[in-house]
Amino acid sequence: KCLRPPYGAINSEVRGWADAGGYPIALWDVDTLDWKRGPAQQIA
């Protein structure tokens, strides 16, 4: 029920379109960098 924009890339248009669709923008505080496929303990 929310929108996590890839790369955290948003602008006023995206924010407006998300609002119009009823999707709150969800950003993050901690990027685990898990997409780099490091060891589990490093990600944790």
PDB file of all heavy atoms in Angstrom:
ATOM      1  N   LYS A   1       0.824  -1.194   0.000  1.00  0.00           N
ATOM      2  CA  LYS A   1       0.000   0.000   0.000  1.00  0.00           C
ATOM      3  C   LYS A   1       0.868   1.257   0.000  1.00  0.00           C
ATOM      4  O   LYS A   1       0.396   2.354   0.213  1.00  0.00           O
ATOM      5  CB  LYS A   1      -0.930  -0.013   1.209  1.00  0.00           C
ATOM      6  CG  LYS A   1      -1.960  -1.129   1.120  1.00  0.00           C
ATOM      7  CD  LYS A   1      -2.833  -1.146   2.365  1.00  0.00           C
ATOM      8  CE  LYS A   1      -3.904  -2.190   2.283  1.00  0.00           C
ATOM      9  NZ  LYS A   1      -3.439  -3.553   2.300  1.00  0.00           N
ATOM     10  N   CYS A   2       2.174   1.077  -0.202  1.00  0.00           N
ATOM     11  CA  CYS A   2       3.070   2.209  -0.293  1.00  0.00           C
ATOM     12  C   CYS A   2       4.014   2.020  -1.480  1.00  0.00           C
ATOM     13  O   CYS A   2       4.032   0.961  -2.104  1.00  0.00           O
ATOM     14  CB  CYS A   2       3.857   2.418   1.003  1.00  0.00           C
ATOM     15  SG  CYS A   2       4.863   1.028   1.516  1.00  0.00           S
ATOM     16  N   LEU A   3       4.774   3.032  -1.780  1.00  0.00           N
ATOM     17  CA  LEU A   3       5.661   3.017  -2.934  1.00  0.00           C
ATOM     18  C   LEU A   3       7.083   3.276  -2.479  1.00  0.00           C
ATOM     19  O   LEU A   3       7.368   4.310  -1.870  1.00  0.00           O
ATOM     20  CB  LEU A   3       5.223   4.100  -3.928  1.00  0.00           C
ATOM     21  CG  LEU A   3       6.137   4.326  -5.115  1.00  0.00           C
ATOM     22  CD1 LEU A   3       6.120   3.116  -6.052  1.00  0.00           C
ATOM     23  CD2 LEU A   3       5.708   5.572  -5.871  1.00  0.00           C
ATOM     24  N   ARG A   4       7.967   2.327  -2.749  1.00  0.00           N
ATOM     25  CA  ARG A   4       9.386   2.521  -2.501  1.00  0.00           C
ATOM     26  C   ARG A   4      10.025   2.794  -3.851  1.00  0.00           C
ATOM     27  O   ARG A   4      10.209   1.892  -4.657  1.00  0.00           O
ATOM     28  CB  ARG A   4      10.026   1.302  -1.853  1.00  0.00           C
ATOM     29  CG  ARG A   4      11.386   1.662  -1.309  1.00  0.00           C
ATOM     30  CD  ARG A   4      12.611   0.900  -1.603  1.00  0.00           C
ATOM     31  NE  ARG A   4      12.658  -0.229  -2.441  1.00  0.00           N
ATOM     32  CZ  ARG A   4      13.475  -0.298  -3.482  1.00  0.00           C
ATOM     33  NH1 ARG A   4      14.219   0.718  -3.867  1.00  0.00           N
ATOM     34  NH2 ARG A   4      13.537  -1.402  -4.188  1.00  0.00           N
ATOM     35  N   PRO A   5      10.336   4.056  -4.137  1.00  0.00           N
ATOM     36  CA  PRO A   5      10.898   4.366  -5.445  1.00  0.00           C
ATOM     37  C   PRO A   5      12.306   3.786  -5.587  1.00  0.00           C
ATOM     38  O   PRO A   5      13.137   3.971  -4.694  1.00  0.00           O
ATOM     39  CB  PRO A   5      10.918   5.892  -5.476  1.00  0.00           C
ATOM     40  CG  PRO A   5      10.838   6.333  -4.065  1.00  0.00           C
ATOM     41  CD  PRO A   5      10.190   5.236  -3.289  1.00  0.00           C
ATOM     42  N   PRO A   6      12.547   3.068  -6.679  1.00  0.00           N
ATOM     43  CA  PRO A   6      13.897   2.536  -6.893  1.00  0.00           C
ATOM     44  C   PRO A   6      14.948   3.641  -6.777  1.00  0.00           C
ATOM     45  O   PRO A   6      14.734   4.769  -7.242  1.00  0.00           O
ATOM     46  CB  PRO A   6      13.832   1.976  -8.311  1.00  0.00           C
ATOM     47  CG  PRO A   6      12.388   1.600  -8.489  1.00  0.00           C
ATOM     48  CD  PRO A   6      11.637   2.687  -7.762  1.00  0.00           C
ATOM     49  N   TYR A   7      16.048   3.311  -6.111  1.00  0.00           N
ATOM     50  CA  TYR A   7      17.163   4.234  -5.882  1.00  0.00           C
ATOM     51  C   TYR A   7      16.787   5.408  -4.968  1.00  0.00           C
ATOM     52  O   TYR A   7      17.589   6.311  -4.766  1.00  0.00           O
ATOM     53  CB  TYR A   7      17.720   4.789  -7.212  1.00  0.00           C
ATOM     54  CG  TYR A   7      17.911   3.734  -8.259  1.00  0.00           C
ATOM     55  CD1 TYR A   7      17.048   3.651  -9.337  1.00  0.00           C
ATOM     56  CD2 TYR A   7      18.930   2.790  -8.146  1.00  0.00           C
ATOM     57  CE1 TYR A   7      17.193   2.672 -10.301  1.00  0.00           C
ATOM     58  CE2 TYR A   7      19.090   1.799  -9.106  1.00  0.00           C
ATOM     59  CZ  TYR A   7      18.224   1.742 -10.183  1.00  0.00           C
ATOM     60  OH  TYR A   7      18.377   0.756 -11.131  1.00  0.00           O
ATOM     61  N   GLY A   8      15.567   5.424  -4.477  1.00  0.00           N
ATOM     62  CA  GLY A   8      15.099   6.547  -3.677  1.00  0.00           C
ATOM     63  C   GLY A   8      14.871   7.796  -4.522  1.00  0.00           C
ATOM     64  O   GLY A   8      14.750   8.891  -3.999  1.00  0.00           O
ATOM     65  N   ALA A   9      14.789   7.599  -5.832  1.00  0.00           N
ATOM     66  CA  ALA A   9      14.669   8.721  -6.761  1.00  0.00           C
ATOM     67  C   ALA A   9      13.221   9.201  -6.830  1.00  0.00           C
ATOM     68  O   ALA A   9      12.344   8.479  -7.307  1.00  0.00           O
ATOM     69  CB  ALA A   9      15.152   8.308  -8.150  1.00  0.00           C
ATOM     70  N   ILE A  10      12.991  10.399  -6.310  1.00  0.00           N
ATOM     71  CA  ILE A  10      11.666  11.002  -6.386  1.00  0.00           C
ATOM     72  C   ILE A  10      11.824  12.470  -6.775  1.00  0.00           C
ATOM     73  O   ILE A  10      12.887  13.065  -6.590  1.00  0.00           O
ATOM     74  CB  ILE A  10      10.884  10.894  -5.060  1.00  0.00           C
ATOM     75  CG1 ILE A  10      11.676  11.504  -3.911  1.00  0.00           C
ATOM     76  CG2 ILE A  10      10.498   9.467  -4.762  1.00  0.00           C
ATOM     77  CD1 ILE A  10      10.913  11.589  -2.622  1.00  0.00           C
ATOM     78  N   ASN A  11      10.774  13.004  -7.307  1.00  0.00           N
ATOM     79  CA  ASN A  11      10.692  14.434  -7.578  1.00  0.00           C
ATOM     80  C   ASN A  11       9.247  14.846  -7.323  1.00  0.00           C
ATOM     81  O   ASN A  11       8.434  14.016  -6.894  1.00  0.00           O
ATOM     82  CB  ASN A  11      11.167  14.768  -9.002  1.00  0.00           C
ATOM     83  CG  ASN A  11      10.382  14.055 -10.076  1.00  0.00           C
ATOM     84  OD1 ASN A  11       9.243  13.605  -9.864  1.00  0.00           O
ATOM     85  ND2 ASN A  11      10.971  13.938 -11.262  1.00  0.00           N
ATOM     86  N   SER A  12       8.916  16.085  -7.574  1.00  0.00           N
ATOM     87  CA  SER A  12       7.566  16.548  -7.265  1.00  0.00           C
ATOM     88  C   SER A  12       6.520  15.822  -8.108  1.00  0.00           C
ATOM     89  O   SER A  12       5.416  15.556  -7.621  1.00  0.00           O
ATOM     90  CB  SER A  12       7.456  18.059  -7.446  1.00  0.00           C
ATOM     91  OG  SER A  12       7.761  18.427  -8.773  1.00  0.00           O
ATOM     92  N   GLU A  13       6.839  15.482  -9.360  1.00  0.00           N
ATOM     93  CA  GLU A  13       5.871  14.760 -10.192  1.00  0.00           C
ATOM     94  C   GLU A  13       5.596  13.373  -9.623  1.00  0.00           C
ATOM     95  O   GLU A  13       4.444  12.973  -9.482  1.00  0.00           O
ATOM     96  CB  GLU A  13       6.377  14.635 -11.627  1.00  0.00           C
ATOM     97  CG  GLU A  13       6.215  15.881 -12.437  1.00  0.00           C
ATOM     98  CD  GLU A  13       6.599  15.670 -13.888  1.00  0.00           C
ATOM     99  OE1 GLU A  13       7.585  14.963 -14.168  1.00  0.00           O
ATOM    100  OE2 GLU A  13       5.880  16.218 -14.739  1.00  0.00           O
ATOM    101  N   VAL A  14       6.647  12.623  -9.321  1.00  0.00           N
ATOM    102  CA  VAL A  14       6.477  11.271  -8.772  1.00  0.00           C
ATOM    103  C   VAL A  14       5.713  11.330  -7.461  1.00  0.00           C
ATOM    104  O   VAL A  14       4.805  10.540  -7.225  1.00  0.00           O
ATOM    105  CB  VAL A  14       7.840  10.559  -8.601  1.00  0.00           C
ATOM    106  CG1 VAL A  14       7.702   9.282  -7.791  1.00  0.00           C
ATOM    107  CG2 VAL A  14       8.477  10.277  -9.958  1.00  0.00           C
ATOM    108  N   ARG A  15       6.063  12.284  -6.611  1.00  0.00           N
ATOM    109  CA  ARG A  15       5.354  12.423  -5.330  1.00  0.00           C
ATOM    110  C   ARG A  15       3.872  12.710  -5.572  1.00  0.00           C
ATOM    111  O   ARG A  15       3.000  12.122  -4.940  1.00  0.00           O
ATOM    112  CB  ARG A  15       5.982  13.530  -4.489  1.00  0.00           C
ATOM    113  CG  ARG A  15       5.436  13.582  -3.076  1.00  0.00           C
ATOM    114  CD  ARG A  15       6.205  14.547  -2.196  1.00  0.00           C
ATOM    115  NE  ARG A  15       7.602  14.221  -2.015  1.00  0.00           N
ATOM    116  CZ  ARG A  15       8.071  13.274  -1.193  1.00  0.00           C
ATOM    117  NH1 ARG A  15       7.229  12.541  -0.493  1.00  0.00           N
ATOM    118  NH2 ARG A  15       9.358  13.059  -1.075  1.00  0.00           N
ATOM    119  N   GLY A  16       3.567  13.570  -6.515  1.00  0.00           N
ATOM    120  CA  GLY A  16       2.172  13.886  -6.831  1.00  0.00           C
ATOM    121  C   GLY A  16       1.422  12.695  -7.402  1.00  0.00           C
ATOM    122  O   GLY A  16       0.268  12.442  -7.044  1.00  0.00           O
ATOM    123  N   TRP A  17       2.062  11.964  -8.301  1.00  0.00           N
ATOM    124  CA  TRP A  17       1.421  10.789  -8.893  1.00  0.00           C
ATOM    125  C   TRP A  17       1.175   9.726  -7.831  1.00  0.00           C
ATOM    126  O   TRP A  17       0.134   9.077  -7.825  1.00  0.00           O
ATOM    127  CB  TRP A  17       2.271  10.217 -10.021  1.00  0.00           C
ATOM    128  CG  TRP A  17       2.480  11.137 -11.187  1.00  0.00           C
ATOM    129  CD1 TRP A  17       1.700  12.203 -11.548  1.00  0.00           C
ATOM    130  CD2 TRP A  17       3.535  11.069 -12.133  1.00  0.00           C
ATOM    131  NE1 TRP A  17       2.218  12.796 -12.675  1.00  0.00           N
ATOM    132  CE2 TRP A  17       3.337  12.127 -13.061  1.00  0.00           C
ATOM    133  CE3 TRP A  17       4.632  10.231 -12.305  1.00  0.00           C
ATOM    134  CZ2 TRP A  17       4.196  12.353 -14.136  1.00  0.00           C
ATOM    135  CZ3 TRP A  17       5.489  10.457 -13.373  1.00  0.00           C
ATOM    136  CH2 TRP A  17       5.268  11.500 -14.274  1.00  0.00           C
ATOM    137  N   ALA A  18       2.152   9.526  -6.946  1.00  0.00           N
ATOM    138  CA  ALA A  18       1.991   8.541  -5.865  1.00  0.00           C
ATOM    139  C   ALA A  18       0.844   8.963  -4.946  1.00  0.00           C
ATOM    140  O   ALA A  18      -0.002   8.137  -4.576  1.00  0.00           O
ATOM    141  CB  ALA A  18       3.292   8.400  -5.088  1.00  0.00           C
ATOM    142  N   ASP A  19       0.797  10.244  -4.596  1.00  0.00           N
ATOM    143  CA  ASP A  19      -0.291  10.758  -3.746  1.00  0.00           C
ATOM    144  C   ASP A  19      -1.642  10.536  -4.415  1.00  0.00           C
ATOM    145  O   ASP A  19      -2.597  10.094  -3.777  1.00  0.00           O
ATOM    146  CB  ASP A  19      -0.108  12.243  -3.452  1.00  0.00           C
ATOM    147  CG  ASP A  19       0.999  12.534  -2.457  1.00  0.00           C
ATOM    148  OD1 ASP A  19       1.475  11.590  -1.780  1.00  0.00           O
ATOM    149  OD2 ASP A  19       1.398  13.713  -2.365  1.00  0.00           O
ATOM    150  N   ALA A  20      -1.718  10.833  -5.712  1.00  0.00           N
ATOM    151  CA  ALA A  20      -2.977  10.675  -6.454  1.00  0.00           C
ATOM    152  C   ALA A  20      -3.429   9.224  -6.478  1.00  0.00           C
ATOM    153  O   ALA A  20      -4.626   8.933  -6.477  1.00  0.00           O
ATOM    154  CB  ALA A  20      -2.826  11.202  -7.877  1.00  0.00           C
ATOM    155  N   GLY A  21      -2.483   8.295  -6.476  1.00  0.00           N
ATOM    156  CA  GLY A  21      -2.813   6.876  -6.483  1.00  0.00           C
ATOM    157  C   GLY A  21      -3.024   6.300  -5.093  1.00  0.00           C
ATOM    158  O   GLY A  21      -3.322   5.114  -4.934  1.00  0.00           O
ATOM    159  N   GLY A  22      -2.822   7.128  -4.056  1.00  0.00           N
ATOM    160  CA  GLY A  22      -2.992   6.653  -2.685  1.00  0.00           C
ATOM    161  C   GLY A  22      -1.811   5.857  -2.166  1.00  0.00           C
ATOM    162  O   GLY A  22      -1.960   5.027  -1.274  1.00  0.00           O
ATOM    163  N   TYR A  23      -0.618   6.118  -2.714  1.00  0.00           N
ATOM    164  CA  TYR A  23       0.585   5.399  -2.302  1.00  0.00           C
ATOM    165  C   TYR A  23       1.530   6.326  -1.545  1.00  0.00           C
ATOM    166  O   TYR A  23       2.218   7.142  -2.158  1.00  0.00           O
ATOM    167  CB  TYR A  23       1.330   4.826  -3.514  1.00  0.00           C
ATOM    168  CG  TYR A  23       0.580   3.750  -4.221  1.00  0.00           C
ATOM    169  CD1 TYR A  23      -0.128   4.012  -5.392  1.00  0.00           C
ATOM    170  CD2 TYR A  23       0.572   2.461  -3.721  1.00  0.00           C
ATOM    171  CE1 TYR A  23      -0.820   3.013  -6.046  1.00  0.00           C
ATOM    172  CE2 TYR A  23      -0.120   1.452  -4.371  1.00  0.00           C
ATOM    173  CZ  TYR A  23      -0.809   1.738  -5.526  1.00  0.00           C
ATOM    174  OH  TYR A  23      -1.503   0.756  -6.163  1.00  0.00           O
ATOM    175  N   PRO A  24       1.598   6.204  -0.219  1.00  0.00           N
ATOM    176  CA  PRO A  24       2.606   6.974   0.511  1.00  0.00           C
ATOM    177  C   PRO A  24       4.003   6.555   0.053  1.00  0.00           C
ATOM    178  O   PRO A  24       4.243   5.373  -0.233  1.00  0.00           O
ATOM    179  CB  PRO A  24       2.390   6.587   1.971  1.00  0.00           C
ATOM    180  CG  PRO A  24       1.088   5.869   2.022  1.00  0.00           C
ATOM    181  CD  PRO A  24       0.804   5.357   0.653  1.00  0.00           C
ATOM    182  N   ILE A  25       4.909   7.504  -0.029  1.00  0.00           N
ATOM    183  CA  ILE A  25       6.294   7.208  -0.394  1.00  0.00           C
ATOM    184  C   ILE A  25       7.002   6.600   0.818  1.00  0.00           C
ATOM    185  O   ILE A  25       6.923   7.138   1.931  1.00  0.00           O
ATOM    186  CB  ILE A  25       7.041   8.481  -0.831  1.00  0.00           C
ATOM    187  CG1 ILE A  25       6.369   9.121  -2.053  1.00  0.00           C
ATOM    188  CG2 ILE A  25       8.516   8.198  -1.079  1.00  0.00           C
ATOM    189  CD1 ILE A  25       6.578   8.417  -3.350  1.00  0.00           C
ATOM    190  N   ALA A  26       7.687   5.493   0.615  1.00  0.00           N
ATOM    191  CA  ALA A  26       8.437   4.823   1.675  1.00  0.00           C
ATOM    192  C   ALA A  26       9.919   4.837   1.312  1.00  0.00           C
ATOM    193  O   ALA A  26      10.335   4.208   0.340  1.00  0.00           O
ATOM    194  CB  ALA A  26       7.943   3.387   1.837  1.00  0.00           C
ATOM    195  N   LEU A  27      10.685   5.577   2.081  1.00  0.00           N
ATOM    196  CA  LEU A  27      12.128   5.596   1.901  1.00  0.00           C
ATOM    197  C   LEU A  27      12.771   4.846   3.064  1.00  0.00           C
ATOM    198  O   LEU A  27      12.073   4.283   3.901  1.00  0.00           O
ATOM    199  CB  LEU A  27      12.630   7.039   1.798  1.00  0.00           C
ATOM    200  CG  LEU A  27      12.096   7.805   0.592  1.00  0.00           C
ATOM    201  CD1 LEU A  27      12.555   9.266   0.632  1.00  0.00           C
ATOM    202  CD2 LEU A  27      12.502   7.158  -0.720  1.00  0.00           C
ATOM    203  N   TRP A  28      14.058   4.816   3.143  1.00  0.00           N
ATOM    204  CA  TRP A  28      14.745   4.015   4.146  1.00  0.00           C
ATOM    205  C   TRP A  28      15.817   4.828   4.835  1.00  0.00           C
ATOM    206  O   TRP A  28      16.295   5.839   4.340  1.00  0.00           O
ATOM    207  CB  TRP A  28      15.348   2.753   3.522  1.00  0.00           C
ATOM    208  CG  TRP A  28      16.284   3.071   2.386  1.00  0.00           C
ATOM    209  CD1 TRP A  28      17.637   3.247   2.463  1.00  0.00           C
ATOM    210  CD2 TRP A  28      15.933   3.274   1.020  1.00  0.00           C
ATOM    211  NE1 TRP A  28      18.142   3.554   1.227  1.00  0.00           N
ATOM    212  CE2 TRP A  28      17.112   3.579   0.315  1.00  0.00           C
ATOM    213  CE3 TRP A  28      14.735   3.233   0.318  1.00  0.00           C
ATOM    214  CZ2 TRP A  28      17.138   3.837  -1.044  1.00  0.00           C
ATOM    215  CZ3 TRP A  28      14.754   3.489  -1.045  1.00  0.00           C
ATOM    216  CH2 TRP A  28      15.943   3.771  -1.715  1.00  0.00           C
ATOM    217  N   ASP A  29      16.211   4.318   6.027  1.00  0.00           N
ATOM    218  CA  ASP A  29      17.278   4.925   6.818  1.00  0.00           C
ATOM    219  C   ASP A  29      18.571   4.131   6.714  1.00  0.00           C
ATOM    220  O   ASP A  29      19.653   4.687   6.823  1.00  0.00           O
ATOM    221  CB  ASP A  29      16.868   4.989   8.300  1.00  0.00           C
ATOM    222  CG  ASP A  29      15.588   5.758   8.498  1.00  0.00           C
ATOM    223  OD1 ASP A  29      15.575   6.969   8.217  1.00  0.00           O
ATOM    224  OD2 ASP A  29      14.581   5.142   8.910  1.00  0.00           O
ATOM    225  N   VAL A  30      18.434   2.811   6.552  1.00  0.00           N
ATOM    226  CA  VAL A  30      19.589   1.922   6.510  1.00  0.00           C
ATOM    227  C   VAL A  30      19.551   1.126   5.213  1.00  0.00           C
ATOM    228  O   VAL A  30      18.584   0.417   4.938  1.00  0.00           O
ATOM    229  CB  VAL A  30      19.575   0.928   7.705  1.00  0.00           C
ATOM    230  CG1 VAL A  30      20.755  -0.032   7.629  1.00  0.00           C
ATOM    231  CG2 VAL A  30      19.568   1.678   9.022  1.00  0.00           C
ATOM    232  N   ASP A  31      20.602   1.275   4.426  1.00  0.00           N
ATOM    233  CA  ASP A  31      20.755   0.477   3.208  1.00  0.00           C
ATOM    234  C   ASP A  31      21.744  -0.636   3.525  1.00  0.00           C
ATOM    235  O   ASP A  31      22.914  -0.373   3.805  1.00  0.00           O
ATOM    236  CB  ASP A  31      21.274   1.340   2.063  1.00  0.00           C
ATOM    237  CG  ASP A  31      21.347   0.600   0.734  1.00  0.00           C
ATOM    238  OD1 ASP A  31      21.143  -0.642   0.713  1.00  0.00           O
ATOM    239  OD2 ASP A  31      21.604   1.259  -0.287  1.00  0.00           O
ATOM    240  N   THR A  32      21.270  -1.868   3.510  1.00  0.00           N
ATOM    241  CA  THR A  32      22.121  -3.006   3.852  1.00  0.00           C
ATOM    242  C   THR A  32      23.114  -3.353   2.749  1.00  0.00           C
ATOM    243  O   THR A  32      24.012  -4.159   2.972  1.00  0.00           O
ATOM    244  CB  THR A  32      21.270  -4.255   4.127  1.00  0.00           C
ATOM    245  OG1 THR A  32      20.561  -4.596   2.932  1.00  0.00           O
ATOM    246  CG2 THR A  32      20.315  -4.029   5.284  1.00  0.00           C
ATOM    247  N   LEU A  33      22.923  -2.778   1.577  1.00  0.00           N
ATOM    248  CA  LEU A  33      23.765  -3.082   0.412  1.00  0.00           C
ATOM    249  C   LEU A  33      23.740  -4.571   0.065  1.00  0.00           C
ATOM    250  O   LEU A  33      24.693  -5.111  -0.498  1.00  0.00           O
ATOM    251  CB  LEU A  33      25.207  -2.596   0.624  1.00  0.00           C
ATOM    252  CG  LEU A  33      25.366  -1.106   0.961  1.00  0.00           C
ATOM    253  CD1 LEU A  33      26.827  -0.766   1.217  1.00  0.00           C
ATOM    254  CD2 LEU A  33      24.802  -0.231  -0.154  1.00  0.00           C
ATOM    255  N   ASP A  34      22.632  -5.233   0.422  1.00  0.00           N
ATOM    256  CA  ASP A  34      22.522  -6.671   0.175  1.00  0.00           C
ATOM    257  C   ASP A  34      22.562  -7.007  -1.314  1.00  0.00           C
ATOM    258  O   ASP A  34      22.906  -8.121  -1.695  1.00  0.00           O
ATOM    259  CB  ASP A  34      21.271  -7.256   0.836  1.00  0.00           C
ATOM    260  CG  ASP A  34      19.983  -6.690   0.277  1.00  0.00           C
ATOM    261  OD1 ASP A  34      19.947  -5.505  -0.109  1.00  0.00           O
ATOM    262  OD2 ASP A  34      18.998  -7.434   0.247  1.00  0.00           O
ATOM    263  N   TRP A  35      22.257  -6.039  -2.164  1.00  0.00           N
ATOM    264  CA  TRP A  35      22.300  -6.273  -3.606  1.00  0.00           C
ATOM    265  C   TRP A  35      23.718  -6.572  -4.088  1.00  0.00           C
ATOM    266  O   TRP A  35      23.911  -7.151  -5.150  1.00  0.00           O
ATOM    267  CB  TRP A  35      21.707  -5.070  -4.365  1.00  0.00           C
ATOM    268  CG  TRP A  35      22.351  -3.770  -4.019  1.00  0.00           C
ATOM    269  CD1 TRP A  35      21.978  -2.912  -3.018  1.00  0.00           C
ATOM    270  CD2 TRP A  35      23.492  -3.185  -4.634  1.00  0.00           C
ATOM    271  NE1 TRP A  35      22.821  -1.822  -2.978  1.00  0.00           N
ATOM    272  CE2 TRP A  35      23.761  -1.964  -3.970  1.00  0.00           C
ATOM    273  CE3 TRP A  35      24.319  -3.574  -5.684  1.00  0.00           C
ATOM    274  CZ2 TRP A  35      24.825  -1.142  -4.321  1.00  0.00           C
ATOM    275  CZ3 TRP A  35      25.368  -2.737  -6.038  1.00  0.00           C
ATOM    276  CH2 TRP A  35      25.613  -1.541  -5.360  1.00  0.00           C
ATOM    277  N   LYS A  36      24.713  -6.249  -3.266  1.00  0.00           N
ATOM    278  CA  LYS A  36      26.107  -6.577  -3.613  1.00  0.00           C
ATOM    279  C   LYS A  36      26.430  -8.045  -3.315  1.00  0.00           C
ATOM    280  O   LYS A  36      27.509  -8.510  -3.630  1.00  0.00           O
ATOM    281  CB  LYS A  36      27.074  -5.684  -2.840  1.00  0.00           C
ATOM    282  CG  LYS A  36      27.039  -4.238  -3.273  1.00  0.00           C
ATOM    283  CD  LYS A  36      28.088  -3.443  -2.525  1.00  0.00           C
ATOM    284  CE  LYS A  36      28.148  -2.017  -3.001  1.00  0.00           C
ATOM    285  NZ  LYS A  36      29.215  -1.251  -2.319  1.00  0.00           N
ATOM    286  N   ARG A  37      25.472  -8.729  -2.671  1.00  0.00           N
ATOM    287  CA  ARG A  37      25.585 -10.144  -2.355  1.00  0.00           C
ATOM    288  C   ARG A  37      26.762 -10.487  -1.425  1.00  0.00           C
ATOM    289  O   ARG A  37      27.439 -11.493  -1.601  1.00  0.00           O
ATOM    290  CB  ARG A  37      25.648 -10.977  -3.624  1.00  0.00           C
ATOM    291  CG  ARG A  37      24.461 -10.770  -4.522  1.00  0.00           C
ATOM    292  CD  ARG A  37      24.422 -11.819  -5.618  1.00  0.00           C
ATOM    293  NE  ARG A  37      23.606 -11.466  -6.738  1.00  0.00           N
ATOM    294  CZ  ARG A  37      22.287 -11.353  -6.744  1.00  0.00           C
ATOM    295  NH1 ARG A  37      21.620 -11.556  -5.653  1.00  0.00           N
ATOM    296  NH2 ARG A  37      21.638 -11.040  -7.838  1.00  0.00           N
ATOM    297  N   GLY A  38      26.959  -9.622  -0.428  1.00  0.00           N
ATOM    298  CA  GLY A  38      27.984  -9.899   0.563  1.00  0.00           C
ATOM    299  C   GLY A  38      27.551 -11.014   1.502  1.00  0.00           C
ATOM    300  O   GLY A  38      26.414 -11.508   1.423  1.00  0.00           O
ATOM    301  N   PRO A  39      28.432 -11.411   2.415  1.00  0.00           N
ATOM    302  CA  PRO A  39      28.085 -12.459   3.385  1.00  0.00           C
ATOM    303  C   PRO A  39      26.924 -12.027   4.281  1.00  0.00           C
ATOM    304  O   PRO A  39      26.763 -10.836   4.571  1.00  0.00           O
ATOM    305  CB  PRO A  39      29.362 -12.629   4.206  1.00  0.00           C
ATOM    306  CG  PRO A  39      30.441 -11.925   3.466  1.00  0.00           C
ATOM    307  CD  PRO A  39      29.788 -10.916   2.569  1.00  0.00           C
ATOM    308  N   ALA A  40      26.168 -12.992   4.747  1.00  0.00           N
ATOM    309  CA  ALA A  40      24.992 -12.712   5.577  1.00  0.00           C
ATOM    310  C   ALA A  40      25.347 -11.876   6.797  1.00  0.00           C
ATOM    311  O   ALA A  40      24.633 -10.927   7.129  1.00  0.00           O
ATOM    312  CB  ALA A  40      24.310 -14.014   5.994  1.00  0.00           C
ATOM    313  N   GLN A  41      26.429 -12.198   7.481  1.00  0.00           N
ATOM    314  CA  GLN A  41      26.789 -11.457   8.695  1.00  0.00           C
ATOM    315  C   GLN A  41      27.107 -10.000   8.369  1.00  0.00           C
ATOM    316  O   GLN A  41      26.741  -9.092   9.111  1.00  0.00           O
ATOM    317  CB  GLN A  41      27.968 -12.109   9.418  1.00  0.00           C
ATOM    318  CG  GLN A  41      28.239 -11.504  10.792  1.00  0.00           C
ATOM    319  CD  GLN A  41      27.079 -11.710  11.762  1.00  0.00           C
ATOM    320  OE1 GLN A  41      26.632 -12.818  11.994  1.00  0.00           O
ATOM    321  NE2 GLN A  41      26.584 -10.612  12.343  1.00  0.00           N
ATOM    322  N   GLN A  42      27.749  -9.765   7.257  1.00  0.00           N
ATOM    323  CA  GLN A  42      28.067  -8.394   6.841  1.00  0.00           C
ATOM    324  C   GLN A  42      26.787  -7.594   6.584  1.00  0.00           C
ATOM    325  O   GLN A  42      26.679  -6.435   6.991  1.00  0.00           O
ATOM    326  CB  GLN A  42      28.926  -8.435   5.581  1.00  0.00           C
ATOM    327  CG  GLN A  42      29.284  -7.081   5.026  1.00  0.00           C
ATOM    328  CD  GLN A  42      30.098  -7.199   3.745  1.00  0.00           C
ATOM    329  OE1 GLN A  42      30.830  -8.160   3.545  1.00  0.00           O
ATOM    330  NE2 GLN A  42      29.948  -6.223   2.879  1.00  0.00           N
ATOM    331  N   ILE A  43      25.828  -8.229   5.928  1.00  0.00           N
ATOM    332  CA  ILE A  43      24.536  -7.578   5.669  1.00  0.00           C
ATOM    333  C   ILE A  43      23.836  -7.278   6.998  1.00  0.00           C
ATOM    334  O   ILE A  43      23.344  -6.170   7.226  1.00  0.00           O
ATOM    335  CB  ILE A  43      23.653  -8.455   4.766  1.00  0.00           C
ATOM    336  CG1 ILE A  43      24.303  -8.616   3.380  1.00  0.00           C
ATOM    337  CG2 ILE A  43      22.245  -7.885   4.653  1.00  0.00           C
ATOM    338  CD1 ILE A  43      23.659  -9.695   2.519  1.00  0.00           C
ATOM    339  N   ALA A  44      23.813  -8.263   7.881  1.00  0.00           N
ATOM    340  CA  ALA A  44      23.159  -8.102   9.181  1.00  0.00           C
ATOM    341  C   ALA A  44      23.812  -6.998  10.004  1.00  0.00           C
ATOM    342  O   ALA A  44      23.121  -6.211  10.656  1.00  0.00           O
ATOM    343  CB  ALA A  44      23.182  -9.422   9.947  1.00  0.00           C
TER     344      ALA A  44
END
